[in-house]
Amino acid sequence: MIESQDSQEFEEEDSLRIDAREIAPLLGLTPERLMAELRAGQIYHVAEEGEDDEDGRMRIVFRYRARTARLIVESDGSMHPEINRTH
């Protein structure tokens, strides 16, 4: 992940820009705290590209402590957050 100049956004490889304000609440954080935890390496993420009938979609999974948040990115760029708390 590469931080942009705006401290509230970060970029996935291949130029997907994600606003921290969309992910932070799903992980129980403020956007500022999310960015600090990203810089500290405390938030992990994995990006998966869709195949077959989900071609063009992407799922990004964020993990922070006992929380997991998923962000589904459609081929048109729209995003749909999901949450799954394991704690």
C-alpha atoms as a PDB file:
ATOM      1  CA  MET A   1       0.000   0.000   0.000  1.00  0.00           C
ATOM      2  CA  ILE A   2       1.251   3.454  -0.833  1.00  0.00           C
ATOM      3  CA  GLU A   3       0.024   6.497   1.028  1.00  0.00           C
ATOM      4  CA  SER A   4      -1.063   9.408  -1.068  1.00  0.00           C
ATOM      5  CA  GLN A   5      -0.326  13.002  -0.136  1.00  0.00           C
ATOM      6  CA  ASP A   6      -3.797  13.233   1.418  1.00  0.00           C
ATOM      7  CA  SER A   7      -3.337  11.625   4.803  1.00  0.00           C
ATOM      8  CA  GLN A   8      -6.851  10.159   4.623  1.00  0.00           C
ATOM      9  CA  GLU A   9      -6.282   8.072   1.494  1.00  0.00           C
ATOM     10  CA  PHE A  10      -4.026   5.235   0.501  1.00  0.00           C
ATOM     11  CA  GLU A  11      -3.470   3.391  -2.749  1.00  0.00           C
ATOM     12  CA  GLU A  12      -3.409  -0.267  -3.586  1.00  0.00           C
ATOM     13  CA  GLU A  13      -0.971  -1.348  -6.242  1.00  0.00           C
ATOM     14  CA  ASP A  14      -2.327  -0.775  -9.756  1.00  0.00           C
ATOM     15  CA  SER A  15      -3.709   2.654  -8.711  1.00  0.00           C
ATOM     16  CA  LEU A  16      -6.787   1.731  -6.699  1.00  0.00           C
ATOM     17  CA  ARG A  17      -7.282   4.651  -4.317  1.00  0.00           C
ATOM     18  CA  ILE A  18      -9.184   3.948  -1.119  1.00  0.00           C
ATOM     19  CA  ASP A  19     -10.414   6.578   1.315  1.00  0.00           C
ATOM     20  CA  ALA A  20      -9.494   5.663   4.889  1.00  0.00           C
ATOM     21  CA  ARG A  21     -12.882   7.050   5.986  1.00  0.00           C
ATOM     22  CA  GLU A  22     -14.546   4.078   4.272  1.00  0.00           C
ATOM     23  CA  ILE A  23     -12.449   1.384   5.967  1.00  0.00           C
ATOM     24  CA  ALA A  24     -11.700   2.874   9.398  1.00  0.00           C
ATOM     25  CA  PRO A  25     -15.206   2.497  10.890  1.00  0.00           C
ATOM     26  CA  LEU A  26     -15.354  -1.132   9.766  1.00  0.00           C
ATOM     27  CA  LEU A  27     -12.271  -1.819  11.865  1.00  0.00           C
ATOM     28  CA  GLY A  28     -13.415   0.321  14.810  1.00  0.00           C
ATOM     29  CA  LEU A  29     -10.837   3.049  14.110  1.00  0.00           C
ATOM     30  CA  THR A  30     -10.737   6.700  13.163  1.00  0.00           C
ATOM     31  CA  PRO A  31      -9.241   7.459   9.748  1.00  0.00           C
ATOM     32  CA  GLU A  32      -6.185   9.002  11.429  1.00  0.00           C
ATOM     33  CA  ARG A  33      -5.650   5.929  13.583  1.00  0.00           C
ATOM     34  CA  LEU A  34      -6.079   3.642  10.574  1.00  0.00           C
ATOM     35  CA  MET A  35      -3.338   5.510   8.717  1.00  0.00           C
ATOM     36  CA  ALA A  36      -1.036   5.344  11.760  1.00  0.00           C
ATOM     37  CA  GLU A  37      -1.648   1.597  12.147  1.00  0.00           C
ATOM     38  CA  LEU A  38      -0.988   1.062   8.423  1.00  0.00           C
ATOM     39  CA  ARG A  39       2.332   2.891   8.703  1.00  0.00           C
ATOM     40  CA  ALA A  40       3.197   0.808  11.787  1.00  0.00           C
ATOM     41  CA  GLY A  41       2.395  -2.426   9.941  1.00  0.00           C
ATOM     42  CA  GLN A  42      -0.445  -3.350  12.301  1.00  0.00           C
ATOM     43  CA  ILE A  43      -3.120  -3.587   9.601  1.00  0.00           C
ATOM     44  CA  TYR A  44      -2.741  -6.346   7.027  1.00  0.00           C
ATOM     45  CA  HIS A  45      -4.534  -6.527   3.719  1.00  0.00           C
ATOM     46  CA  VAL A  46      -4.926  -8.891   0.799  1.00  0.00           C
ATOM     47  CA  ALA A  47      -6.396  -8.026  -2.593  1.00  0.00           C
ATOM     48  CA  GLU A  48      -8.063 -10.745  -4.665  1.00  0.00           C
ATOM     49  CA  GLU A  49      -9.250 -10.356  -8.235  1.00  0.00           C
ATOM     50  CA  GLY A  50     -12.484 -12.015  -9.299  1.00  0.00           C
ATOM     51  CA  GLU A  51     -12.565 -14.798 -11.867  1.00  0.00           C
ATOM     52  CA  ASP A  52     -15.184 -16.239 -14.210  1.00  0.00           C
ATOM     53  CA  ASP A  53     -18.584 -14.713 -13.344  1.00  0.00           C
ATOM     54  CA  GLU A  54     -16.892 -12.225 -10.968  1.00  0.00           C
ATOM     55  CA  ASP A  55     -14.330 -11.039 -13.517  1.00  0.00           C
ATOM     56  CA  GLY A  56     -13.672  -7.324 -13.101  1.00  0.00           C
ATOM     57  CA  ARG A  57     -14.473  -7.349  -9.378  1.00  0.00           C
ATOM     58  CA  MET A  58     -11.934  -7.190  -6.587  1.00  0.00           C
ATOM     59  CA  ARG A  59     -12.155  -8.051  -2.904  1.00  0.00           C
ATOM     60  CA  ILE A  60      -9.787  -6.411  -0.461  1.00  0.00           C
ATOM     61  CA  VAL A  61      -9.626  -7.945   3.000  1.00  0.00           C
ATOM     62  CA  PHE A  62      -8.252  -5.857   5.882  1.00  0.00           C
ATOM     63  CA  ARG A  63      -7.255  -7.409   9.213  1.00  0.00           C
ATOM     64  CA  TYR A  64      -6.636  -5.515  12.421  1.00  0.00           C
ATOM     65  CA  ARG A  65      -6.414  -7.395  15.698  1.00  0.00           C
ATOM     66  CA  ALA A  66      -9.633  -9.468  15.979  1.00  0.00           C
ATOM     67  CA  ARG A  67     -11.448  -7.532  13.251  1.00  0.00           C
ATOM     68  CA  THR A  68     -11.761  -8.263   9.575  1.00  0.00           C
ATOM     69  CA  ALA A  69     -13.311  -5.928   7.010  1.00  0.00           C
ATOM     70  CA  ARG A  70     -13.917  -6.657   3.340  1.00  0.00           C
ATOM     71  CA  LEU A  71     -14.258  -4.124   0.597  1.00  0.00           C
ATOM     72  CA  ILE A  72     -15.785  -5.299  -2.682  1.00  0.00           C
ATOM     73  CA  VAL A  73     -14.749  -3.153  -5.636  1.00  0.00           C
ATOM     74  CA  GLU A  74     -16.932  -3.445  -8.725  1.00  0.00           C
ATOM     75  CA  SER A  75     -15.572  -3.076 -12.260  1.00  0.00           C
ATOM     76  CA  ASP A  76     -17.118   0.425 -12.421  1.00  0.00           C
ATOM     77  CA  GLY A  77     -15.122   1.490  -9.334  1.00  0.00           C
ATOM     78  CA  SER A  78     -17.999   1.458  -6.872  1.00  0.00           C
ATOM     79  CA  MET A  79     -17.180  -0.022  -3.476  1.00  0.00           C
ATOM     80  CA  HIS A  80     -19.300  -2.084  -1.086  1.00  0.00           C
ATOM     81  CA  PRO A  81     -17.949  -2.565   2.445  1.00  0.00           C
ATOM     82  CA  GLU A  82     -18.648  -5.656   4.510  1.00  0.00           C
ATOM     83  CA  ILE A  83     -17.655  -6.511   8.053  1.00  0.00           C
ATOM     84  CA  ASN A  84     -16.938  -9.759   9.861  1.00  0.00           C
ATOM     85  CA  ARG A  85     -15.868  -9.453  13.485  1.00  0.00           C
ATOM     86  CA  THR A  86     -14.121 -12.489  14.843  1.00  0.00           C
ATOM     87  CA  HIS A  87     -14.050 -11.148  18.389  1.00  0.00           C
END
